[in-house]
C-alpha cells in the first residue's frame, strides 16, 4: 500500500462487560471504523471477545480475541495487564 498523505477516520465501539464468579468477567465489543471523504477505502468491522480476571481492585489481566473484516482481514489474540490508579 502506498500512502498519499494523511487520512481521517471515525469509529464507533460499543461493548459490554459482564461480571461473574466474584473476580471474573466476560467482555464483548464491536468496532466499526471508516475513513472520511469516501475515497479512503478503510472500512473495517471488528468483533472482540474476551475474558478477564481481577486479582485486586487495581490489578487485572485480560485475554481477548479480535476478528477484523473489511479493508483488511485478520484475527488476533491480545493479552493485557491492567493497573488502575
Protein backbone atom coordinates (compact mmCIF):
# COMPACT_ATOMS: atom_id res chain seq x y z
CA UNK A 1 0.00 0.00 0.00
CA UNK A 2 1.33 3.43 -0.92
CA UNK A 3 0.40 6.28 1.38
CA UNK A 4 -0.57 9.52 -0.36
CA UNK A 5 -1.00 11.64 2.76
CA UNK A 6 -2.96 11.90 5.96
CA UNK A 7 -6.32 10.17 6.30
CA UNK A 8 -9.12 10.97 8.71
CA UNK A 9 -11.27 8.26 10.27
CA UNK A 10 -14.21 7.89 12.59
CA UNK A 11 -15.07 4.91 14.71
CA UNK A 12 -17.85 3.60 16.92
CA UNK A 13 -17.07 0.94 19.52
CA UNK A 14 -19.87 -0.17 21.87
CA UNK A 15 -19.35 -3.08 24.23
CA UNK A 16 -20.46 -4.81 27.39
CA UNK A 17 -18.64 -6.29 30.39
CA UNK A 18 -20.49 -8.94 32.39
CA UNK A 19 -19.03 -9.88 35.79
CA UNK A 20 -19.38 -13.44 37.09
CA UNK A 21 -17.89 -15.74 39.73
CA UNK A 22 -16.62 -12.95 42.03
CA UNK A 23 -13.42 -11.86 40.20
CA UNK A 24 -14.08 -12.91 36.59
CA UNK A 25 -15.73 -11.05 33.71
CA UNK A 26 -16.62 -11.65 30.08
CA UNK A 27 -16.36 -8.86 27.52
CA UNK A 28 -17.87 -8.40 24.08
CA UNK A 29 -17.31 -5.39 21.86
CA UNK A 30 -17.93 -4.36 18.28
CA UNK A 31 -15.89 -1.72 16.46
CA UNK A 32 -16.92 0.00 13.24
CA UNK A 33 -14.27 2.19 11.62
CA UNK A 34 -14.41 4.08 8.32
CA UNK A 35 -12.48 6.77 6.52
CA UNK A 36 -13.90 10.24 5.98
CA UNK A 37 -14.22 11.57 2.47
CA UNK A 38 -15.42 8.38 0.80
CA UNK A 39 -12.23 7.64 -1.10
CA UNK A 40 -10.02 6.17 1.62
CA UNK A 41 -11.34 2.59 1.37
CA UNK A 42 -10.56 1.91 5.01
CA UNK A 43 -13.81 0.44 6.37
CA UNK A 44 -13.42 -2.31 8.99
CA UNK A 45 -15.73 -4.27 11.29
CA UNK A 46 -14.13 -5.87 14.34
CA UNK A 47 -15.74 -8.24 16.83
CA UNK A 48 -13.95 -8.56 20.18
CA UNK A 49 -14.50 -11.31 22.75
CA UNK A 50 -12.52 -11.55 25.94
CA UNK A 51 -12.29 -12.78 29.50
CA UNK A 52 -10.71 -11.00 32.46
CA UNK A 53 -9.63 -11.80 36.00
CA UNK A 54 -9.35 -9.17 38.78
CA UNK A 55 -6.55 -10.01 41.22
CA UNK A 56 -7.37 -6.94 43.32
CA UNK A 57 -9.42 -3.75 42.88
CA UNK A 58 -6.49 -2.24 40.98
CA UNK A 59 -4.84 -5.21 39.19
CA UNK A 60 -6.32 -7.40 36.47
CA UNK A 61 -5.39 -9.46 33.44
CA UNK A 62 -7.41 -9.82 30.22
CA UNK A 63 -7.24 -12.12 27.22
CA UNK A 64 -9.09 -11.03 24.08
CA UNK A 65 -9.71 -12.40 20.59
CA UNK A 66 -10.34 -9.91 17.75
CA UNK A 67 -11.83 -10.83 14.38
CA UNK A 68 -11.43 -7.97 11.88
CA UNK A 69 -13.04 -7.90 8.45
CA UNK A 70 -13.23 -5.18 5.81
CA UNK A 71 -10.31 -3.35 4.21
CA UNK A 72 -8.09 -5.99 5.80
CA UNK A 73 -8.86 -9.37 7.28
CA UNK A 74 -7.04 -10.54 10.37
CA UNK A 75 -7.54 -12.43 13.60
CA UNK A 76 -5.52 -11.60 16.68
CA UNK A 77 -5.08 -12.62 20.31
CA UNK A 78 -4.34 -9.91 22.88
CA UNK A 79 -3.07 -10.21 26.43
CA UNK A 80 -3.19 -7.22 28.78
CA UNK A 81 -2.19 -6.50 32.35
CA UNK A 82 -4.11 -3.51 33.75
CA UNK A 83 -3.13 -1.43 36.78
CA UNK A 84 -5.72 1.14 37.86
CA UNK A 85 -4.62 4.09 39.97
